[in-house]
């Protein structure tokens, strides 16, 4: 199982990540924009996600990406239940969320 401590380490592997809070809970920001954090649901984190990709992610692993009514109504946010997610899943979701919020100057050149 991925721990919150490991989530913190993974998030800080990304450029210019800052620790912050959102609604009183720890979160991560890049350029002042929140991209992931601790969920109010014990054992879960939230990340930003691509609106079009979200249904496919949830369908691909409904245990790890199980949604609550609140998050079903938030098309650009994804809940990740850490006990059901691999480290690779968490890393990829953090990278994607970071890229959504990061300024273009930080994104890899294509």
Protein backbone atom coordinates (compact mmCIF):
# COMPACT_ATOMS: atom_id res chain seq x y z
CA UNK A 1 0.00 0.00 0.00
CA UNK A 2 1.19 3.50 -0.83
CA UNK A 3 1.46 5.69 2.27
CA UNK A 4 0.89 9.43 2.54
CA UNK A 5 4.61 9.77 3.27
CA UNK A 6 5.37 8.11 -0.08
CA UNK A 7 2.83 10.35 -1.84
CA UNK A 8 4.72 13.36 -0.43
CA UNK A 9 8.02 11.98 -1.76
CA UNK A 10 6.52 11.32 -5.20
CA UNK A 11 4.96 14.78 -5.39
CA UNK A 12 8.26 16.43 -4.47
CA UNK A 13 10.01 14.67 -7.35
CA UNK A 14 8.12 17.08 -9.62
CA UNK A 15 9.50 20.59 -10.33
CA UNK A 16 8.57 23.53 -8.13
CA UNK A 17 6.08 21.68 -5.91
CA UNK A 18 5.03 23.53 -2.77
CA UNK A 19 3.36 22.11 0.33
CA UNK A 20 0.14 23.91 1.19
CA UNK A 21 -3.37 23.31 2.51
CA UNK A 22 -6.78 23.17 0.90
CA UNK A 23 -9.88 23.26 3.11
CA UNK A 24 -7.60 22.62 6.10
CA UNK A 25 -5.96 19.49 4.65
CA UNK A 26 -2.45 19.07 3.23
CA UNK A 27 -2.11 19.55 -0.51
CA UNK A 28 0.48 20.23 -3.19
CA UNK A 29 0.66 23.28 -5.44
CA UNK A 30 2.64 24.30 -8.48
CA UNK A 31 2.72 27.99 -9.38
CA UNK A 32 0.12 28.55 -6.66
CA UNK A 33 -2.36 26.06 -8.14
CA UNK A 34 -3.43 22.98 -6.18
CA UNK A 35 -3.02 19.69 -8.03
CA UNK A 36 -3.34 16.99 -5.34
CA UNK A 37 -3.97 16.54 -1.65
CA UNK A 38 -5.41 14.58 1.23
CA UNK A 39 -9.08 13.73 0.82
CA UNK A 40 -11.64 14.06 3.57
CA UNK A 41 -12.16 10.32 2.99
CA UNK A 42 -9.71 8.41 5.13
CA UNK A 43 -7.16 6.52 3.08
CA UNK A 44 -7.73 8.56 -0.08
CA UNK A 45 -6.10 11.43 -1.90
CA UNK A 46 -7.50 13.63 -4.64
CA UNK A 47 -5.78 14.79 -7.81
CA UNK A 48 -6.68 17.01 -10.71
CA UNK A 49 -7.40 14.97 -13.83
CA UNK A 50 -8.35 15.36 -17.44
CA UNK A 51 -12.16 15.51 -17.67
CA UNK A 52 -12.23 13.20 -20.68
CA UNK A 53 -9.83 10.69 -19.14
CA UNK A 54 -11.58 10.43 -15.75
CA UNK A 55 -14.30 7.90 -16.77
CA UNK A 56 -11.67 5.65 -18.34
CA UNK A 57 -9.47 5.80 -15.25
CA UNK A 58 -12.38 4.93 -12.96
CA UNK A 59 -13.42 2.05 -15.23
CA UNK A 60 -9.84 0.74 -15.41
CA UNK A 61 -9.54 0.29 -11.64
CA UNK A 62 -12.80 1.01 -9.76
CA UNK A 63 -11.32 -0.05 -6.42
CA UNK A 64 -8.45 2.44 -6.64
CA UNK A 65 -10.49 5.20 -8.30
CA UNK A 66 -13.80 4.67 -6.51
CA UNK A 67 -15.84 7.88 -6.57
CA UNK A 68 -18.14 9.49 -4.04
CA UNK A 69 -21.17 11.60 -5.00
CA UNK A 70 -19.17 14.79 -4.37
CA UNK A 71 -16.37 13.71 -6.70
CA UNK A 72 -18.75 12.37 -9.34
CA UNK A 73 -19.88 15.98 -9.63
CA UNK A 74 -16.29 17.21 -9.94
CA UNK A 75 -15.27 16.16 -13.45
CA UNK A 76 -11.71 17.50 -13.17
CA UNK A 77 -10.90 15.75 -9.87
CA UNK A 78 -10.18 12.11 -9.11
CA UNK A 79 -10.18 10.23 -5.79
CA UNK A 80 -7.45 7.64 -5.34
CA UNK A 81 -7.85 5.06 -2.58
CA UNK A 82 -4.25 4.35 -1.58
CA UNK A 83 -4.74 0.81 -0.31
CA UNK A 84 -5.92 -0.25 -3.78
CA UNK A 85 -3.48 1.78 -5.90
CA UNK A 86 0.02 0.82 -6.94
CA UNK A 87 2.88 3.24 -6.55
CA UNK A 88 3.00 3.53 -10.34
CA UNK A 89 -0.69 4.49 -10.43
CA UNK A 90 -0.13 7.19 -7.83
CA UNK A 91 3.01 8.47 -9.58
CA UNK A 92 1.19 8.72 -12.94
CA UNK A 93 -1.83 10.49 -11.46
CA UNK A 94 0.42 12.99 -9.65
CA UNK A 95 2.42 13.63 -12.82
CA UNK A 96 -0.75 14.16 -14.85
CA UNK A 97 -2.28 16.43 -12.20
CA UNK A 98 0.92 18.46 -11.93
CA UNK A 99 1.06 18.88 -15.73
CA UNK A 100 -2.52 20.18 -15.79
CA UNK A 101 -1.68 22.95 -13.31
CA UNK A 102 1.97 23.69 -14.12
CA UNK A 103 2.95 26.69 -16.20
CA UNK A 104 4.05 25.87 -19.74
CA UNK A 105 7.66 26.83 -18.98
CA UNK A 106 7.88 23.80 -16.63
CA UNK A 107 6.43 21.25 -19.05
CA UNK A 108 8.80 19.01 -20.98
CA UNK A 109 9.50 20.17 -24.52
CA UNK A 110 7.88 18.00 -27.20
